[in-house]
Amino acid sequence: MSLLGNPEGPPVHRFNSPPDWPEPPSDSWRPPVGWEPDPEWPDAPAGWGFWTNRHGRPASGPIGAFGAIDAGRLEVASAHPSLLLMHS
């Protein structure tokens, strides 16, 4: 399994299961692409943070992962070839 950060240390992002959900199988487990929780599990509390950083603090999570916050991140879009996008 590929994790961001130091492969010898804790992962940069850790999945944080809501109350009453099963615990992930390991500390380094991440939901695979397209994963959805079992519909029989209770809803996560409003505003639940599904990801924590290596220090246990709330984190936005890996881009595209279940429960990750992608707001404010640049997404690939098509544009006219004559346009040049610059970012500082």
Protein backbone atom coordinates (compact mmCIF):
# COMPACT_ATOMS: atom_id res chain seq x y z
CA MET A 1 0.00 0.00 0.00
CA SER A 2 1.39 3.39 -0.92
CA LEU A 3 1.19 6.04 1.78
CA LEU A 4 2.15 9.67 1.59
CA GLY A 5 5.08 10.70 3.75
CA ASN A 6 7.82 8.66 5.33
CA PRO A 7 7.18 4.93 4.72
CA GLU A 8 8.90 4.21 8.04
CA GLY A 9 6.75 6.66 9.98
CA PRO A 10 3.04 7.18 10.45
CA PRO A 11 0.98 8.04 7.38
CA VAL A 12 0.31 11.69 6.61
CA HIS A 13 -3.44 11.02 6.62
CA ARG A 14 -5.27 8.50 8.77
CA PHE A 15 -8.91 7.51 8.21
CA ASN A 16 -11.03 8.45 11.23
CA SER A 17 -14.08 6.19 11.55
CA PRO A 18 -17.21 7.79 13.01
CA PRO A 19 -18.73 6.42 16.21
CA ASP A 20 -20.60 3.14 15.72
CA TRP A 21 -18.66 2.30 12.52
CA PRO A 22 -16.22 -0.60 12.55
CA GLU A 23 -12.61 0.34 13.17
CA PRO A 24 -10.38 0.23 10.07
CA PRO A 25 -8.39 -3.03 9.78
CA SER A 26 -5.12 -1.15 10.45
CA ASP A 27 -3.85 2.35 11.22
CA SER A 28 -2.58 2.68 7.65
CA TRP A 29 -5.85 1.54 5.97
CA ARG A 30 -7.38 3.93 3.49
CA PRO A 31 -10.71 3.49 1.72
CA PRO A 32 -10.03 2.31 -1.85
CA VAL A 33 -11.12 4.54 -4.73
CA GLY A 34 -14.89 4.43 -5.06
CA TRP A 35 -15.39 3.02 -1.53
CA GLU A 36 -18.65 3.86 0.20
CA PRO A 37 -19.65 2.94 3.76
CA ASP A 38 -22.08 0.08 4.33
CA PRO A 39 -25.59 1.57 4.00
CA GLU A 40 -26.57 -0.23 7.23
CA TRP A 41 -24.02 1.77 9.25
CA PRO A 42 -25.38 4.85 11.01
CA ASP A 43 -24.75 8.26 9.47
CA ALA A 44 -21.63 10.06 10.59
CA PRO A 45 -22.31 13.02 12.90
CA ALA A 46 -22.78 16.34 11.08
CA GLY A 47 -19.40 17.88 10.25
CA TRP A 48 -17.48 14.68 11.11
CA GLY A 49 -13.82 14.82 10.12
CA PHE A 50 -13.01 11.55 8.33
CA TRP A 51 -9.27 12.25 8.26
CA THR A 52 -6.59 13.13 10.80
CA ASN A 53 -2.94 14.03 10.28
CA ARG A 54 0.04 12.14 11.71
CA HIS A 55 -0.42 14.07 14.98
CA GLY A 56 -4.09 13.11 15.33
CA ARG A 57 -5.39 16.55 14.40
CA PRO A 58 -8.23 17.03 11.88
CA ALA A 59 -7.01 17.07 8.27
CA SER A 60 -8.59 17.56 4.86
CA GLY A 61 -7.56 14.07 3.69
CA PRO A 62 -6.04 12.82 0.45
CA ILE A 63 -7.47 14.32 -2.74
CA GLY A 64 -10.31 12.20 -4.09
CA ALA A 65 -10.60 9.95 -1.02
CA PHE A 66 -13.91 9.25 0.71
CA GLY A 67 -14.70 12.06 3.14
CA ALA A 68 -11.79 14.24 2.03
CA ILE A 69 -12.37 17.97 1.77
CA ASP A 70 -11.43 19.07 -1.74
CA ALA A 71 -12.63 22.68 -1.46
CA GLY A 72 -10.15 25.21 -2.75
CA ARG A 73 -8.07 22.71 -4.67
CA LEU A 74 -7.44 23.24 -8.35
CA GLU A 75 -9.24 20.78 -10.58
CA VAL A 76 -8.26 19.94 -14.13
CA ALA A 77 -10.53 21.64 -16.61
CA SER A 78 -10.53 22.11 -20.33
CA ALA A 79 -9.73 25.57 -21.63
CA HIS A 80 -9.14 27.23 -24.94
CA PRO A 81 -5.52 26.53 -26.10
CA SER A 82 -4.82 30.25 -26.33
CA LEU A 83 -5.37 30.70 -22.58
CA LEU A 84 -2.45 30.51 -20.22
CA LEU A 85 -3.22 29.88 -16.57
CA MET A 86 -0.65 31.03 -14.04
CA HIS A 87 -0.56 30.47 -10.32
CA SER A 88 1.74 32.17 -7.83
